[in-house]
Amino acid sequence: MTRRALVVTHGGREEAVSATHDAVRELERAGVEAVLAAEDAVAADLPAFELAIVLGGDGTILRAAELTRGTSVPLLGVNLGHVGFLAESEREDIGEAVRRLTAGEFDVEERGTLDVRVLRPDGSTGTGWALNEAALEKVDRSRMLEVLLEVDGHPLSSFGCDGIVAATATGSTAHAFSAGGPVVWPDVDGMILVPISAHALFARPLVVGPRSRLAVEVLERSPAAGLVTLDGRRRLEVPPGSRVEVTRSDIPVRLARLTPAPFTTRLVNKFGLPVDGWRGRASAPRPSARPTARPTTPEVTA
């Protein structure tokens, strides 16, 4: 059976074109056929593949997640962007990264996703999912959203705001972080809710458990309609009188990991945090009660 690897790249950049050539060459050396994903590709139109390589920043990785979510395919990100929190390797290491991926020398880390449902006053519904976040924002920049927050079927607070971000732990370093939310370690199985520019005494970021149900009602009196953007890519209209429900999804995104670098190290490297003068001594790692990574072997998807 022919082994295939999906290659997703940021086609508009010269660096991405060069990196794609290098990746395809390394795949061919390993006897793996490269399947190049077009910008408008959908999973149903692609042949079966067992691996996925992404060349670009976090935005390109989020696009690739649309093509691999719901399958057993591990996703390896090669960073060509600025921060690249979701990426595992850098441009200069692409040859070794492809070699290890095709040889099965990696672990798989499953990242949780969100299920999102919009219930509109006309009876219509919209659904979607997100790996990073579902961001509810006002459509009219000159007006305000009037919302009411609900957690687990109980009202929490109502206020005017520019929007609200519901995020996973993975997305805590994306839009939610920019809005003032906390950085949450990836192995924390919970959801984050961060109001944006809220006019309220109590409108702080919240972190809830994995079985909670978050809901945001855009009140009928709201002077502005809303728009939910999922990972910056997919959109759902939210007119006044609508209800947005967010729950943890049962379908994760599977990321290939080549090194066991702790999240603290990733934070320091990606943000360039100052750690000069540290004199601590590394202690033995504590056993995890619920490991998030495990060895894997490639599996062909239908």
C-alpha atoms as a PDB file:
ATOM      1  CA  MET A   1       0.000   0.000   0.000  1.00  0.00           C
ATOM      2  CA  THR A   2       1.276   3.458  -0.918  1.00  0.00           C
ATOM      3  CA  ARG A   3       2.178   5.623   2.033  1.00  0.00           C
ATOM      4  CA  ARG A   4       0.988   9.222   1.712  1.00  0.00           C
ATOM      5  CA  ALA A   5       1.591  12.398   3.675  1.00  0.00           C
ATOM      6  CA  LEU A   6      -0.534  15.511   3.422  1.00  0.00           C
ATOM      7  CA  VAL A   7       1.510  18.693   2.948  1.00  0.00           C
ATOM      8  CA  VAL A   8      -0.191  21.965   3.891  1.00  0.00           C
ATOM      9  CA  THR A   9       1.715  25.166   3.248  1.00  0.00           C
ATOM     10  CA  HIS A  10       1.376  28.946   3.161  1.00  0.00           C
ATOM     11  CA  GLY A  11       1.617  29.165  -0.615  1.00  0.00           C
ATOM     12  CA  GLY A  12       1.992  32.926  -0.890  1.00  0.00           C
ATOM     13  CA  ARG A  13       5.447  33.143   0.688  1.00  0.00           C
ATOM     14  CA  GLU A  14       8.760  32.432  -1.017  1.00  0.00           C
ATOM     15  CA  GLU A  15      10.115  30.780   2.117  1.00  0.00           C
ATOM     16  CA  ALA A  16       7.120  28.434   2.200  1.00  0.00           C
ATOM     17  CA  VAL A  17       7.666  27.423  -1.438  1.00  0.00           C
ATOM     18  CA  SER A  18      11.294  26.565  -0.689  1.00  0.00           C
ATOM     19  CA  ALA A  19      10.349  24.658   2.463  1.00  0.00           C
ATOM     20  CA  THR A  20       7.702  22.720   0.553  1.00  0.00           C
ATOM     21  CA  HIS A  21      10.281  21.583  -2.021  1.00  0.00           C
ATOM     22  CA  ASP A  22      12.560  20.400   0.792  1.00  0.00           C
ATOM     23  CA  ALA A  23       9.745  18.548   2.553  1.00  0.00           C
ATOM     24  CA  VAL A  24       8.588  16.812  -0.617  1.00  0.00           C
ATOM     25  CA  ARG A  25      12.149  15.751  -1.392  1.00  0.00           C
ATOM     26  CA  GLU A  26      12.586  14.268   2.084  1.00  0.00           C
ATOM     27  CA  LEU A  27       9.265  12.458   1.814  1.00  0.00           C
ATOM     28  CA  GLU A  28      10.284  10.938  -1.511  1.00  0.00           C
ATOM     29  CA  ARG A  29      13.548   9.738   0.029  1.00  0.00           C
ATOM     30  CA  ALA A  30      11.500   7.953   2.685  1.00  0.00           C
ATOM     31  CA  GLY A  31       9.255   6.373   0.062  1.00  0.00           C
ATOM     32  CA  VAL A  32       6.238   8.474   1.020  1.00  0.00           C
ATOM     33  CA  GLU A  33       4.045  10.172  -1.569  1.00  0.00           C
ATOM     34  CA  ALA A  34       3.347  13.853  -0.915  1.00  0.00           C
ATOM     35  CA  VAL A  35      -0.252  15.060  -1.267  1.00  0.00           C
ATOM     36  CA  LEU A  36      -0.262  18.859  -1.620  1.00  0.00           C
ATOM     37  CA  ALA A  37      -3.402  20.474  -0.195  1.00  0.00           C
ATOM     38  CA  ALA A  38      -4.865  23.319  -2.217  1.00  0.00           C
ATOM     39  CA  GLU A  39      -5.982  26.487  -0.409  1.00  0.00           C
ATOM     40  CA  ASP A  40      -9.647  25.499  -0.723  1.00  0.00           C
ATOM     41  CA  ALA A  41      -9.123  21.773  -0.083  1.00  0.00           C
ATOM     42  CA  VAL A  42     -11.660  19.844   1.986  1.00  0.00           C
ATOM     43  CA  ALA A  43     -11.013  16.509   3.663  1.00  0.00           C
ATOM     44  CA  ALA A  44     -13.602  14.637   1.576  1.00  0.00           C
ATOM     45  CA  ASP A  45     -11.755  15.472  -1.662  1.00  0.00           C
ATOM     46  CA  LEU A  46      -8.338  14.225  -0.511  1.00  0.00           C
ATOM     47  CA  PRO A  47      -6.964  10.691  -0.914  1.00  0.00           C
ATOM     48  CA  ALA A  48      -6.242   8.663   2.215  1.00  0.00           C
ATOM     49  CA  PHE A  49      -3.102   9.777   4.032  1.00  0.00           C
ATOM     50  CA  GLU A  50      -1.408   8.669   7.239  1.00  0.00           C
ATOM     51  CA  LEU A  51       0.737  11.695   8.091  1.00  0.00           C
ATOM     52  CA  ALA A  52       0.413  15.470   7.802  1.00  0.00           C
ATOM     53  CA  ILE A  53       3.139  18.124   7.595  1.00  0.00           C
ATOM     54  CA  VAL A  54       2.339  21.812   7.918  1.00  0.00           C
ATOM     55  CA  LEU A  55       4.718  24.524   6.728  1.00  0.00           C
ATOM     56  CA  GLY A  56       3.781  27.942   8.050  1.00  0.00           C
ATOM     57  CA  GLY A  57       2.593  29.689  11.189  1.00  0.00           C
ATOM     58  CA  ASP A  58      -0.222  28.877  13.576  1.00  0.00           C
ATOM     59  CA  GLY A  59      -2.809  30.047  11.031  1.00  0.00           C
ATOM     60  CA  THR A  60      -1.633  27.439   8.528  1.00  0.00           C
ATOM     61  CA  ILE A  61      -1.667  24.778  11.237  1.00  0.00           C
ATOM     62  CA  LEU A  62      -5.259  25.706  12.095  1.00  0.00           C
ATOM     63  CA  ARG A  63      -6.163  25.266   8.409  1.00  0.00           C
ATOM     64  CA  ALA A  64      -4.520  21.836   8.404  1.00  0.00           C
ATOM     65  CA  ALA A  65      -6.420  20.900  11.559  1.00  0.00           C
ATOM     66  CA  GLU A  66      -9.635  21.247   9.544  1.00  0.00           C
ATOM     67  CA  LEU A  67      -8.369  18.483   7.247  1.00  0.00           C
ATOM     68  CA  THR A  68      -7.159  16.061   9.935  1.00  0.00           C
ATOM     69  CA  ARG A  69      -9.576  16.477  12.858  1.00  0.00           C
ATOM     70  CA  GLY A  70     -11.647  13.357  13.363  1.00  0.00           C
ATOM     71  CA  THR A  71      -8.959  11.075  11.924  1.00  0.00           C
ATOM     72  CA  SER A  72      -6.015   9.236  13.478  1.00  0.00           C
ATOM     73  CA  VAL A  73      -3.557  11.336  11.457  1.00  0.00           C
ATOM     74  CA  PRO A  74      -0.844  13.123  13.482  1.00  0.00           C
ATOM     75  CA  LEU A  75      -0.064  16.706  12.471  1.00  0.00           C
ATOM     76  CA  LEU A  76       3.524  17.989  12.467  1.00  0.00           C
ATOM     77  CA  GLY A  77       4.002  21.753  12.308  1.00  0.00           C
ATOM     78  CA  VAL A  78       7.168  23.355  10.920  1.00  0.00           C
ATOM     79  CA  ASN A  79       7.229  27.001  11.958  1.00  0.00           C
ATOM     80  CA  LEU A  80       7.647  29.618   9.245  1.00  0.00           C
ATOM     81  CA  GLY A  81       5.742  32.295  11.144  1.00  0.00           C
ATOM     82  CA  HIS A  82       6.589  34.642  13.993  1.00  0.00           C
ATOM     83  CA  VAL A  83       5.591  32.741  17.144  1.00  0.00           C
ATOM     84  CA  GLY A  84       4.327  29.334  16.076  1.00  0.00           C
ATOM     85  CA  PHE A  85       3.035  27.983  19.390  1.00  0.00           C
ATOM     86  CA  LEU A  86       1.486  24.961  17.693  1.00  0.00           C
ATOM     87  CA  ALA A  87       4.581  24.141  15.631  1.00  0.00           C
ATOM     88  CA  GLU A  88       7.030  21.457  16.698  1.00  0.00           C
ATOM     89  CA  SER A  89      10.021  22.199  14.470  1.00  0.00           C
ATOM     90  CA  GLU A  90      11.793  25.146  12.847  1.00  0.00           C
ATOM     91  CA  ARG A  91      12.659  25.702   9.187  1.00  0.00           C
ATOM     92  CA  GLU A  92      16.305  24.690   9.543  1.00  0.00           C
ATOM     93  CA  ASP A  93      15.335  21.307  11.024  1.00  0.00           C
ATOM     94  CA  ILE A  94      12.869  20.281   8.330  1.00  0.00           C
ATOM     95  CA  GLY A  95      14.945  17.375   6.983  1.00  0.00           C
ATOM     96  CA  GLU A  96      15.328  15.690  10.370  1.00  0.00           C
ATOM     97  CA  ALA A  97      11.692  16.434  11.251  1.00  0.00           C
ATOM     98  CA  VAL A  98      10.398  14.689   8.112  1.00  0.00           C
ATOM     99  CA  ARG A  99      12.751  11.763   8.620  1.00  0.00           C
ATOM    100  CA  ARG A 100      11.536  11.181  12.176  1.00  0.00           C
ATOM    101  CA  LEU A 101       7.890  11.633  11.225  1.00  0.00           C
ATOM    102  CA  THR A 102       8.042   9.070   8.418  1.00  0.00           C
ATOM    103  CA  ALA A 103      10.000   6.660  10.638  1.00  0.00           C
ATOM    104  CA  GLY A 104       7.366   6.874  13.376  1.00  0.00           C
ATOM    105  CA  GLU A 105       9.818   8.419  15.855  1.00  0.00           C
ATOM    106  CA  PHE A 106       7.351  10.738  17.543  1.00  0.00           C
ATOM    107  CA  ASP A 107       4.701  10.930  20.231  1.00  0.00           C
ATOM    108  CA  VAL A 108       1.133  12.099  19.775  1.00  0.00           C
ATOM    109  CA  GLU A 109      -0.360  14.842  21.916  1.00  0.00           C
ATOM    110  CA  GLU A 110      -4.129  15.177  21.730  1.00  0.00           C
ATOM    111  CA  ARG A 111      -5.382  18.752  22.045  1.00  0.00           C
ATOM    112  CA  GLY A 112      -8.979  19.348  23.065  1.00  0.00           C
ATOM    113  CA  THR A 113     -11.384  21.316  20.892  1.00  0.00           C
ATOM    114  CA  LEU A 114     -14.638  23.200  21.411  1.00  0.00           C
ATOM    115  CA  ASP A 115     -18.096  22.499  20.025  1.00  0.00           C
ATOM    116  CA  VAL A 116     -20.030  25.695  19.311  1.00  0.00           C
ATOM    117  CA  ARG A 117     -23.744  26.107  18.619  1.00  0.00           C
ATOM    118  CA  VAL A 118     -25.625  29.316  17.817  1.00  0.00           C
ATOM    119  CA  LEU A 119     -29.392  29.342  18.417  1.00  0.00           C
ATOM    120  CA  ARG A 120     -31.006  32.283  16.588  1.00  0.00           C
ATOM    121  CA  PRO A 121     -34.398  33.904  17.325  1.00  0.00           C
ATOM    122  CA  ASP A 122     -35.767  32.858  13.915  1.00  0.00           C
ATOM    123  CA  GLY A 123     -35.293  29.193  14.849  1.00  0.00           C
ATOM    124  CA  SER A 124     -32.204  28.617  12.703  1.00  0.00           C
ATOM    125  CA  THR A 125     -28.997  27.194  14.150  1.00  0.00           C
ATOM    126  CA  GLY A 126     -25.330  27.322  13.298  1.00  0.00           C
ATOM    127  CA  THR A 127     -22.670  24.884  14.462  1.00  0.00           C
ATOM    128  CA  GLY A 128     -18.909  24.683  14.362  1.00  0.00           C
ATOM    129  CA  TRP A 129     -15.790  23.774  16.293  1.00  0.00           C
ATOM    130  CA  ALA A 130     -12.515  25.392  17.295  1.00  0.00           C
ATOM    131  CA  LEU A 131      -9.054  24.296  18.368  1.00  0.00           C
ATOM    132  CA  ASN A 132      -7.988  27.698  19.716  1.00  0.00           C
ATOM    133  CA  GLU A 133     -11.067  29.799  20.324  1.00  0.00           C
ATOM    134  CA  ALA A 134     -14.577  30.891  19.467  1.00  0.00           C
ATOM    135  CA  ALA A 135     -14.584  34.694  19.480  1.00  0.00           C
ATOM    136  CA  LEU A 136     -17.889  36.543  19.688  1.00  0.00           C
ATOM    137  CA  GLU A 137     -17.412  40.135  18.529  1.00  0.00           C
ATOM    138  CA  LYS A 138     -19.682  43.003  17.613  1.00  0.00           C
ATOM    139  CA  VAL A 139     -20.345  43.641  13.926  1.00  0.00           C
ATOM    140  CA  ASP A 140     -20.826  47.414  14.219  1.00  0.00           C
ATOM    141  CA  ARG A 141     -17.624  48.905  15.633  1.00  0.00           C
ATOM    142  CA  SER A 142     -19.468  52.016  16.845  1.00  0.00           C
ATOM    143  CA  ARG A 143     -21.940  50.076  19.006  1.00  0.00           C
ATOM    144  CA  MET A 144     -21.783  47.663  21.912  1.00  0.00           C
ATOM    145  CA  LEU A 145     -22.874  44.093  22.479  1.00  0.00           C
ATOM    146  CA  GLU A 146     -25.262  43.579  25.400  1.00  0.00           C
ATOM    147  CA  VAL A 147     -24.711  40.049  26.673  1.00  0.00           C
ATOM    148  CA  LEU A 148     -25.597  37.754  29.567  1.00  0.00           C
ATOM    149  CA  LEU A 149     -23.193  35.015  30.662  1.00  0.00           C
ATOM    150  CA  GLU A 150     -24.400  31.609  31.776  1.00  0.00           C
ATOM    151  CA  VAL A 151     -22.416  28.725  33.257  1.00  0.00           C
ATOM    152  CA  ASP A 152     -23.955  25.267  33.627  1.00  0.00           C
ATOM    153  CA  GLY A 153     -27.479  26.566  33.154  1.00  0.00           C
ATOM    154  CA  HIS A 154     -27.193  29.370  35.715  1.00  0.00           C
ATOM    155  CA  PRO A 155     -26.930  33.109  34.891  1.00  0.00           C
ATOM    156  CA  LEU A 156     -23.696  34.736  36.035  1.00  0.00           C
ATOM    157  CA  SER A 157     -23.648  38.371  34.907  1.00  0.00           C
ATOM    158  CA  SER A 158     -24.820  40.726  32.165  1.00  0.00           C
ATOM    159  CA  PHE A 159     -22.942  43.694  30.719  1.00  0.00           C
ATOM    160  CA  GLY A 160     -22.000  45.582  27.594  1.00  0.00           C
ATOM    161  CA  CYS A 161     -18.764  44.702  25.834  1.00  0.00           C
ATOM    162  CA  ASP A 162     -16.889  44.540  22.552  1.00  0.00           C
ATOM    163  CA  GLY A 163     -16.964  40.760  22.610  1.00  0.00           C
ATOM    164  CA  ILE A 164     -16.175  37.534  24.461  1.00  0.00           C
ATOM    165  CA  VAL A 165     -13.564  34.874  23.743  1.00  0.00           C
ATOM    166  CA  ALA A 166     -14.161  31.232  24.684  1.00  0.00           C
ATOM    167  CA  ALA A 167     -10.902  29.308  24.408  1.00  0.00           C
ATOM    168  CA  THR A 168      -9.256  25.968  25.018  1.00  0.00           C
ATOM    169  CA  ALA A 169      -6.031  25.624  26.981  1.00  0.00           C
ATOM    170  CA  THR A 170      -4.304  25.473  23.594  1.00  0.00           C
ATOM    171  CA  GLY A 171      -5.885  28.786  22.628  1.00  0.00           C
ATOM    172  CA  SER A 172      -4.953  30.476  25.904  1.00  0.00           C
ATOM    173  CA  THR A 173      -1.857  31.944  24.217  1.00  0.00           C
ATOM    174  CA  ALA A 174      -3.809  33.256  21.213  1.00  0.00           C
ATOM    175  CA  HIS A 175      -6.785  35.671  21.135  1.00  0.00           C
ATOM    176  CA  ALA A 176      -7.693  35.054  24.781  1.00  0.00           C
ATOM    177  CA  PHE A 177      -4.162  36.019  25.850  1.00  0.00           C
ATOM    178  CA  SER A 178      -4.352  39.269  23.882  1.00  0.00           C
ATOM    179  CA  ALA A 179      -7.648  40.064  25.632  1.00  0.00           C
ATOM    180  CA  GLY A 180      -6.069  39.674  29.082  1.00  0.00           C
ATOM    181  CA  GLY A 181      -6.777  36.008  29.764  1.00  0.00           C
ATOM    182  CA  PRO A 182      -4.480  33.610  31.655  1.00  0.00           C
ATOM    183  CA  VAL A 183      -1.873  31.333  30.120  1.00  0.00           C
ATOM    184  CA  VAL A 184      -3.130  27.783  30.727  1.00  0.00           C
ATOM    185  CA  TRP A 185      -0.903  24.733  30.433  1.00  0.00           C
ATOM    186  CA  PRO A 186      -2.046  22.349  27.632  1.00  0.00           C
ATOM    187  CA  ASP A 187      -2.687  19.447  29.998  1.00  0.00           C
ATOM    188  CA  VAL A 188      -5.347  21.443  31.871  1.00  0.00           C
ATOM    189  CA  ASP A 189      -8.621  20.004  30.608  1.00  0.00           C
ATOM    190  CA  GLY A 190     -10.840  23.067  30.858  1.00  0.00           C
ATOM    191  CA  MET A 191     -12.302  26.047  29.022  1.00  0.00           C
ATOM    192  CA  ILE A 192     -11.524  29.753  29.329  1.00  0.00           C
ATOM    193  CA  LEU A 193     -13.915  32.662  28.910  1.00  0.00           C
ATOM    194  CA  VAL A 194     -12.486  36.185  28.519  1.00  0.00           C
ATOM    195  CA  PRO A 195     -14.669  39.330  28.105  1.00  0.00           C
ATOM    196  CA  ILE A 196     -13.291  42.013  25.772  1.00  0.00           C
ATOM    197  CA  SER A 197     -13.528  45.633  26.935  1.00  0.00           C
ATOM    198  CA  ALA A 198     -16.460  44.915  29.253  1.00  0.00           C
ATOM    199  CA  HIS A 199     -18.364  47.718  31.014  1.00  0.00           C
ATOM    200  CA  ALA A 200     -18.927  45.898  34.309  1.00  0.00           C
ATOM    201  CA  LEU A 201     -17.570  45.563  37.818  1.00  0.00           C
ATOM    202  CA  PHE A 202     -17.412  41.773  37.492  1.00  0.00           C
ATOM    203  CA  ALA A 203     -16.180  40.757  34.064  1.00  0.00           C
ATOM    204  CA  ARG A 204     -13.027  38.813  34.806  1.00  0.00           C
ATOM    205  CA  PRO A 205     -11.626  35.847  32.864  1.00  0.00           C
ATOM    206  CA  LEU A 206     -13.114  32.531  33.939  1.00  0.00           C
ATOM    207  CA  VAL A 207     -11.715  29.001  33.794  1.00  0.00           C
ATOM    208  CA  VAL A 208     -14.273  26.189  34.027  1.00  0.00           C
ATOM    209  CA  GLY A 209     -14.109  22.411  33.992  1.00  0.00           C
ATOM    210  CA  PRO A 210     -14.349  20.142  30.946  1.00  0.00           C
ATOM    211  CA  ARG A 211     -17.959  19.136  31.635  1.00  0.00           C
ATOM    212  CA  SER A 212     -19.252  22.685  31.976  1.00  0.00           C
ATOM    213  CA  ARG A 213     -21.474  24.377  29.443  1.00  0.00           C
ATOM    214  CA  LEU A 214     -20.756  28.011  28.690  1.00  0.00           C
ATOM    215  CA  ALA A 215     -23.482  30.135  27.143  1.00  0.00           C
ATOM    216  CA  VAL A 216     -23.588  33.749  26.007  1.00  0.00           C
ATOM    217  CA  GLU A 217     -26.942  35.322  25.231  1.00  0.00           C
ATOM    218  CA  VAL A 218     -26.881  38.402  23.017  1.00  0.00           C
ATOM    219  CA  LEU A 219     -29.814  40.265  24.489  1.00  0.00           C
ATOM    220  CA  GLU A 220     -32.665  41.449  22.274  1.00  0.00           C
ATOM    221  CA  ARG A 221     -31.977  45.012  23.366  1.00  0.00           C
ATOM    222  CA  SER A 222     -28.369  44.773  22.190  1.00  0.00           C
ATOM    223  CA  PRO A 223     -27.643  47.711  19.844  1.00  0.00           C
ATOM    224  CA  ALA A 224     -25.156  45.578  17.892  1.00  0.00           C
ATOM    225  CA  ALA A 225     -25.355  42.164  16.267  1.00  0.00           C
ATOM    226  CA  GLY A 226     -22.548  39.697  16.829  1.00  0.00           C
ATOM    227  CA  LEU A 227     -20.356  37.388  14.803  1.00  0.00           C
ATOM    228  CA  VAL A 228     -18.674  34.241  16.122  1.00  0.00           C
ATOM    229  CA  THR A 229     -15.315  33.534  14.493  1.00  0.00           C
ATOM    230  CA  LEU A 230     -13.873  30.048  14.962  1.00  0.00           C
ATOM    231  CA  ASP A 231     -10.061  29.955  14.937  1.00  0.00           C
ATOM    232  CA  GLY A 232     -10.124  33.073  12.773  1.00  0.00           C
ATOM    233  CA  ARG A 233     -11.358  31.004   9.827  1.00  0.00           C
ATOM    234  CA  ARG A 234     -15.055  30.055  10.066  1.00  0.00           C
ATOM    235  CA  ARG A 235     -17.918  32.403  10.962  1.00  0.00           C
ATOM    236  CA  LEU A 236     -21.414  32.158  12.428  1.00  0.00           C
ATOM    237  CA  GLU A 237     -23.861  35.084  12.465  1.00  0.00           C
ATOM    238  CA  VAL A 238     -25.286  36.046  15.861  1.00  0.00           C
ATOM    239  CA  PRO A 239     -28.190  38.547  15.650  1.00  0.00           C
ATOM    240  CA  PRO A 240     -29.686  40.089  18.815  1.00  0.00           C
ATOM    241  CA  GLY A 241     -31.766  37.526  20.690  1.00  0.00           C
ATOM    242  CA  SER A 242     -29.351  34.691  19.867  1.00  0.00           C
ATOM    243  CA  ARG A 243     -27.705  32.237  22.214  1.00  0.00           C
ATOM    244  CA  VAL A 244     -24.155  30.915  21.792  1.00  0.00           C
ATOM    245  CA  GLU A 245     -23.377  27.614  23.553  1.00  0.00           C
ATOM    246  CA  VAL A 246     -19.837  26.300  24.007  1.00  0.00           C
ATOM    247  CA  THR A 247     -18.902  22.840  25.289  1.00  0.00           C
ATOM    248  CA  ARG A 248     -15.847  20.647  25.208  1.00  0.00           C
ATOM    249  CA  SER A 249     -15.766  18.458  22.104  1.00  0.00           C
ATOM    250  CA  ASP A 250     -15.133  14.726  22.099  1.00  0.00           C
ATOM    251  CA  ILE A 251     -13.025  15.080  18.934  1.00  0.00           C
ATOM    252  CA  PRO A 252      -9.429  16.262  19.510  1.00  0.00           C
ATOM    253  CA  VAL A 253      -6.702  17.409  17.137  1.00  0.00           C
ATOM    254  CA  ARG A 254      -3.634  15.134  17.176  1.00  0.00           C
ATOM    255  CA  LEU A 255      -0.245  16.861  17.138  1.00  0.00           C
ATOM    256  CA  ALA A 256       3.018  15.017  16.471  1.00  0.00           C
ATOM    257  CA  ARG A 257       5.708  15.805  19.045  1.00  0.00           C
ATOM    258  CA  LEU A 258       9.384  15.095  18.390  1.00  0.00           C
ATOM    259  CA  THR A 259      10.803  16.240  21.728  1.00  0.00           C
ATOM    260  CA  PRO A 260       9.465  16.144  25.302  1.00  0.00           C
ATOM    261  CA  ALA A 261      10.175  19.863  25.899  1.00  0.00           C
ATOM    262  CA  PRO A 262       8.017  21.162  28.776  1.00  0.00           C
ATOM    263  CA  PHE A 263       5.494  23.908  28.125  1.00  0.00           C
ATOM    264  CA  THR A 264       7.496  26.291  30.323  1.00  0.00           C
ATOM    265  CA  THR A 265      10.425  26.021  27.928  1.00  0.00           C
ATOM    266  CA  ARG A 266       8.110  26.590  24.972  1.00  0.00           C
ATOM    267  CA  LEU A 267       6.753  29.752  26.605  1.00  0.00           C
ATOM    268  CA  VAL A 268      10.251  31.088  27.256  1.00  0.00           C
ATOM    269  CA  ASN A 269      11.432  30.366  23.724  1.00  0.00           C
ATOM    270  CA  LYS A 270       8.349  31.608  21.876  1.00  0.00           C
ATOM    271  CA  PHE A 271       7.933  34.823  23.887  1.00  0.00           C
ATOM    272  CA  GLY A 272      11.630  35.446  24.469  1.00  0.00           C
ATOM    273  CA  LEU A 273      11.044  35.672  28.223  1.00  0.00           C
ATOM    274  CA  PRO A 274      13.973  36.853  30.394  1.00  0.00           C
ATOM    275  CA  VAL A 275      15.377  34.026  32.530  1.00  0.00           C
ATOM    276  CA  ASP A 276      18.970  35.268  32.975  1.00  0.00           C
ATOM    277  CA  GLY A 277      20.268  34.618  36.490  1.00  0.00           C
ATOM    278  CA  TRP A 278      18.183  31.531  37.158  1.00  0.00           C
ATOM    279  CA  ARG A 279      20.026  29.278  39.597  1.00  0.00           C
ATOM    280  CA  GLY A 280      17.433  26.584  40.131  1.00  0.00           C
ATOM    281  CA  ARG A 281      18.188  22.892  39.903  1.00  0.00           C
ATOM    282  CA  ALA A 282      16.052  20.625  37.754  1.00  0.00           C
ATOM    283  CA  SER A 283      14.176  18.075  39.838  1.00  0.00           C
ATOM    284  CA  ALA A 284      12.940  14.661  38.793  1.00  0.00           C
ATOM    285  CA  PRO A 285       9.722  14.918  36.764  1.00  0.00           C
ATOM    286  CA  ARG A 286       6.551  14.153  38.664  1.00  0.00           C
ATOM    287  CA  PRO A 287       4.478  11.240  37.335  1.00  0.00           C
ATOM    288  CA  SER A 288       1.410  12.359  35.430  1.00  0.00           C
ATOM    289  CA  ALA A 289      -1.982  11.047  36.490  1.00  0.00           C
ATOM    290  CA  ARG A 290      -3.351  11.605  32.992  1.00  0.00           C
ATOM    291  CA  PRO A 291      -0.618  11.566  30.300  1.00  0.00           C
ATOM    292  CA  THR A 292      -1.313  13.666  27.226  1.00  0.00           C
ATOM    293  CA  ALA A 293       1.322  12.118  24.991  1.00  0.00           C
ATOM    294  CA  ARG A 294       1.924   8.529  24.089  1.00  0.00           C
ATOM    295  CA  PRO A 295       4.018   6.606  21.558  1.00  0.00           C
ATOM    296  CA  THR A 296       2.264   5.911  18.323  1.00  0.00           C
ATOM    297  CA  THR A 297       2.674   4.230  15.004  1.00  0.00           C
ATOM    298  CA  PRO A 298       1.247   5.667  11.793  1.00  0.00           C
ATOM    299  CA  GLU A 299      -2.264   4.558  10.865  1.00  0.00           C
ATOM    300  CA  VAL A 300      -3.853   4.870   7.457  1.00  0.00           C
ATOM    301  CA  THR A 301      -7.187   6.683   7.407  1.00  0.00           C
ATOM    302  CA  ALA A 302     -10.004   6.030   5.031  1.00  0.00           C
END
